Protein backbone atom coordinates (compact mmCIF):
# COMPACT_ATOMS: atom_id res chain seq x y z
CA MET A 1 100.48 114.84 142.49
CA GLU A 2 103.15 114.01 139.94
CA PRO A 3 101.96 112.08 136.86
CA GLY A 4 104.80 109.56 137.20
CA ASN A 5 103.96 108.89 140.83
CA LEU A 6 100.28 108.40 140.02
CA ALA A 7 101.15 106.05 137.16
CA LYS A 8 103.36 104.00 139.48
CA LYS A 9 100.60 103.73 142.10
CA THR A 10 98.09 102.81 139.39
CA ASN A 11 100.41 100.05 138.16
CA TYR A 12 100.60 98.68 141.69
CA LEU A 13 96.81 98.74 141.88
CA VAL A 14 96.47 96.84 138.60
CA PHE A 15 99.02 94.28 139.76
CA ALA A 16 97.20 93.81 143.07
CA VAL A 17 93.83 93.40 141.34
CA VAL A 18 95.18 90.83 138.88
CA LEU A 19 96.93 88.91 141.64
CA THR A 20 93.78 88.98 143.78
CA TYR A 21 91.70 87.79 140.84
CA LEU A 22 94.00 84.83 140.19
CA ILE A 23 94.18 83.81 143.84
CA LEU A 24 90.40 84.04 144.33
CA GLN A 25 89.81 82.17 141.07
CA LEU A 26 91.95 79.27 142.30
CA MET A 27 90.39 79.36 145.76
CA ALA A 28 86.88 79.39 144.32
CA GLU A 29 87.68 76.41 142.12
CA PHE A 30 88.90 74.44 145.12
CA ILE A 31 86.05 75.53 147.40
CA PHE A 32 83.06 75.42 145.04
CA GLY A 33 84.33 73.08 142.36
CA LYS A 34 84.58 73.57 138.64
CA GLU A 35 81.02 72.36 138.01
CA TRP A 36 79.47 74.99 140.29
CA ILE A 37 81.49 77.77 138.66
CA GLU A 38 80.48 76.62 135.18
CA LYS A 39 76.82 76.39 136.22
CA ASN A 40 76.79 79.82 137.92
CA ILE A 41 79.26 81.63 135.67
CA TYR A 42 77.22 84.85 135.46
CA LEU A 43 76.91 85.14 139.23
CA PHE A 44 80.62 84.42 139.60
CA LEU A 45 81.59 87.01 136.99
CA ALA A 46 79.31 89.63 138.57
CA PHE A 47 81.00 89.00 141.91
CA ILE A 48 84.44 89.26 140.31
CA GLN A 49 83.62 92.49 138.50
CA LEU A 50 81.99 94.17 141.47
CA PHE A 51 84.21 93.18 144.35
CA ILE A 52 87.59 92.51 142.81
CA ILE A 53 87.73 95.20 140.13
CA LEU A 54 85.37 98.05 141.11
CA ILE A 55 85.91 98.29 144.86
CA PRO A 56 89.75 98.49 144.76
CA ALA A 57 89.48 101.16 142.06
CA LEU A 58 87.02 103.18 144.16
CA LEU A 59 89.24 102.80 147.22
CA PHE A 60 92.23 104.00 145.20
CA VAL A 61 90.33 107.06 144.00
CA HIS A 62 89.21 107.76 147.57
CA THR A 63 92.67 107.36 149.14
CA GLN A 64 94.27 109.58 146.49
CA LYS A 65 91.55 112.21 147.13
CA MET A 66 90.58 112.41 143.47
CA SER A 67 87.23 113.45 142.05
CA TYR A 68 85.04 110.41 141.33
CA THR A 69 83.23 112.15 138.48
CA HIS A 70 86.50 113.16 136.83
CA VAL A 71 88.28 109.81 137.20
CA LEU A 72 85.28 107.67 136.24
CA ARG A 73 84.29 110.20 133.56
CA LEU A 74 80.73 110.50 134.79
CA LYS A 75 78.88 113.29 133.03
CA SER A 76 75.24 114.16 132.69
CA ILE A 77 73.52 112.39 129.83
CA SER A 78 71.37 114.14 127.25
CA ALA A 79 68.03 112.99 125.82
CA PRO A 80 69.42 112.16 122.33
CA LYS A 81 72.07 109.96 123.92
CA ILE A 82 69.41 108.14 125.92
CA LEU A 83 67.45 107.52 122.74
CA LEU A 84 70.57 106.04 121.14
CA ILE A 85 71.49 103.89 124.13
CA ILE A 86 68.13 102.11 124.40
CA PRO A 87 68.21 100.51 120.91
CA MET A 88 71.89 99.68 121.30
CA ALA A 89 71.20 97.86 124.56
CA ILE A 90 68.37 95.88 122.98
CA ILE A 91 70.42 94.84 119.96
């Protein structure tokens, strides 16, 4: 696949995700109300991050027949890195 073609498709994906986010944000404010969103902001943000950002990206990787581990940069983790991550997560 050409790099320019992939960049163009990625730009379309980013545009679609941003547009979807804005539309769902407005719809959620009308449906649930501003008070509910402010009270349950963490639940709302988790929903946004999982369903509006992650799933379209995974679908894009799948439809382009790319390697998930290469695109998402998933590598095996070593023991020293685990020991560094734990205190960083606590702090």
